[in-house]
Amino acid sequence: MLQNQSRHRRFGRARPDQQRQIVESITAAVRDQHSSDADVEALVLSAIAQQSGSLDTPDVLELRTQLDVAVDEQAPLRQQVQTVLAASASIMARWDRTGREA
């Protein structure tokens, strides 16, 4: 699954100011590609992969299969992005813990 699990800590353990920057950056990337029928989860995962530079395609696909989040389509885009990011960070943190225990 993951080649180097510690590389994902950036999203899960960022300081509040870093988290805000990450959310704003990914929200801007998603906004550029967003349409009314867009899959926000897929756009967020794509943006995470592009910005991290360390997630490869199998990682993103695995993250997508494990992502179980209810995104409120009526919520502002920033809130939708935060919801997906929080769920993604939780999964990546679990990957980190599993990697340390192995």
Protein backbone atom coordinates (compact mmCIF):
# COMPACT_ATOMS: atom_id res chain seq x y z
CA MET A 1 0.00 0.00 0.00
CA LEU A 2 2.20 2.86 1.19
CA GLN A 3 5.87 3.18 0.44
CA ASN A 4 6.69 5.63 3.24
CA GLN A 5 3.83 6.20 5.63
CA SER A 6 5.47 8.96 7.68
CA ARG A 7 5.34 11.27 4.66
CA HIS A 8 1.59 11.75 5.19
CA ARG A 9 1.88 13.41 8.58
CA ARG A 10 1.91 16.87 7.02
CA PHE A 11 -1.86 16.91 6.65
CA GLY A 12 -2.83 15.09 9.83
CA ARG A 13 -0.55 16.87 12.25
CA ALA A 14 -0.30 20.37 10.92
CA ARG A 15 -0.46 23.32 13.30
CA PRO A 16 -3.68 25.36 13.15
CA ASP A 17 -2.07 28.05 10.97
CA GLN A 18 -0.70 25.37 8.63
CA GLN A 19 -4.09 23.65 8.52
CA ARG A 20 -5.73 26.93 7.56
CA GLN A 21 -3.20 27.41 4.74
CA ILE A 22 -3.71 23.84 3.53
CA VAL A 23 -7.49 24.23 3.55
CA GLU A 24 -7.31 27.56 1.71
CA SER A 25 -4.89 26.20 -0.87
CA ILE A 26 -6.90 23.06 -1.55
CA THR A 27 -10.17 25.01 -1.56
CA ALA A 28 -8.73 27.30 -4.23
CA ALA A 29 -7.62 24.29 -6.30
CA VAL A 30 -11.03 22.65 -5.94
CA ARG A 31 -12.85 25.90 -6.72
CA ASP A 32 -10.97 26.13 -10.04
CA GLN A 33 -12.29 22.71 -11.07
CA HIS A 34 -15.64 22.71 -9.26
CA SER A 35 -18.96 22.54 -11.00
CA SER A 36 -22.44 21.78 -9.70
CA ASP A 37 -22.06 18.07 -10.43
CA ALA A 38 -18.41 17.78 -9.40
CA ASP A 39 -17.26 15.07 -7.01
CA VAL A 40 -15.77 17.20 -4.23
CA GLU A 41 -14.12 14.20 -2.57
CA ALA A 42 -12.28 13.30 -5.78
CA LEU A 43 -11.23 16.91 -6.36
CA VAL A 44 -9.90 17.21 -2.80
CA LEU A 45 -7.97 13.94 -3.06
CA SER A 46 -6.52 15.05 -6.37
CA ALA A 47 -5.44 18.37 -4.83
CA ILE A 48 -3.93 16.58 -1.82
CA ALA A 49 -1.91 14.33 -4.13
CA GLN A 50 -0.72 17.25 -6.25
CA GLN A 51 0.25 19.41 -3.30
CA SER A 52 1.87 16.69 -1.22
CA GLY A 53 4.03 15.37 -4.00
CA SER A 54 4.37 12.19 -1.97
CA LEU A 55 1.08 10.40 -2.55
CA ASP A 56 1.21 8.12 -5.53
CA THR A 57 -1.77 6.76 -7.43
CA PRO A 58 -2.16 3.58 -5.33
CA ASP A 59 -2.16 5.72 -2.17
CA VAL A 60 -4.88 8.00 -3.54
CA LEU A 61 -6.97 5.03 -4.66
CA GLU A 62 -6.59 3.39 -1.25
CA LEU A 63 -7.51 6.65 0.46
CA ARG A 64 -10.58 6.96 -1.76
CA THR A 65 -11.75 3.43 -0.90
CA GLN A 66 -11.37 4.10 2.81
CA LEU A 67 -12.92 7.56 2.73
CA ASP A 68 -16.36 7.42 4.30
CA VAL A 69 -17.55 10.94 4.84
CA ALA A 70 -20.88 12.70 4.47
CA VAL A 71 -20.26 15.95 2.63
CA ASP A 72 -23.08 18.48 2.96
CA GLU A 73 -23.54 19.65 -0.60
CA GLN A 74 -25.39 22.73 0.66
CA ALA A 75 -22.45 23.82 2.82
CA PRO A 76 -19.92 26.36 1.54
CA LEU A 77 -17.14 24.81 -0.54
CA ARG A 78 -14.55 25.58 2.12
CA GLN A 79 -16.53 23.59 4.67
CA GLN A 80 -16.91 20.69 2.24
CA VAL A 81 -13.15 20.70 1.66
CA GLN A 82 -12.48 20.80 5.43
CA THR A 83 -14.78 17.79 5.92
CA VAL A 84 -12.95 15.71 3.32
CA LEU A 85 -9.53 16.86 4.55
CA ALA A 86 -10.35 15.93 8.15
CA ALA A 87 -11.51 12.47 7.12
CA SER A 88 -8.45 12.03 4.90
CA ALA A 89 -6.11 13.16 7.68
CA SER A 90 -7.72 10.65 10.03
CA ILE A 91 -7.11 7.83 7.56
CA MET A 92 -3.52 8.90 6.94
CA ALA A 93 -2.91 9.11 10.70
CA ARG A 94 -4.20 5.56 11.00
CA TRP A 95 -1.77 4.55 8.23
CA ASP A 96 1.06 6.19 10.21
CA ARG A 97 0.10 4.35 13.40
CA THR A 98 -0.12 1.05 11.55
CA GLY A 99 3.29 1.69 10.00
CA ARG A 100 4.89 2.37 13.38
CA GLU A 101 3.39 -0.76 14.92
CA ALA A 102 4.68 -3.02 12.12
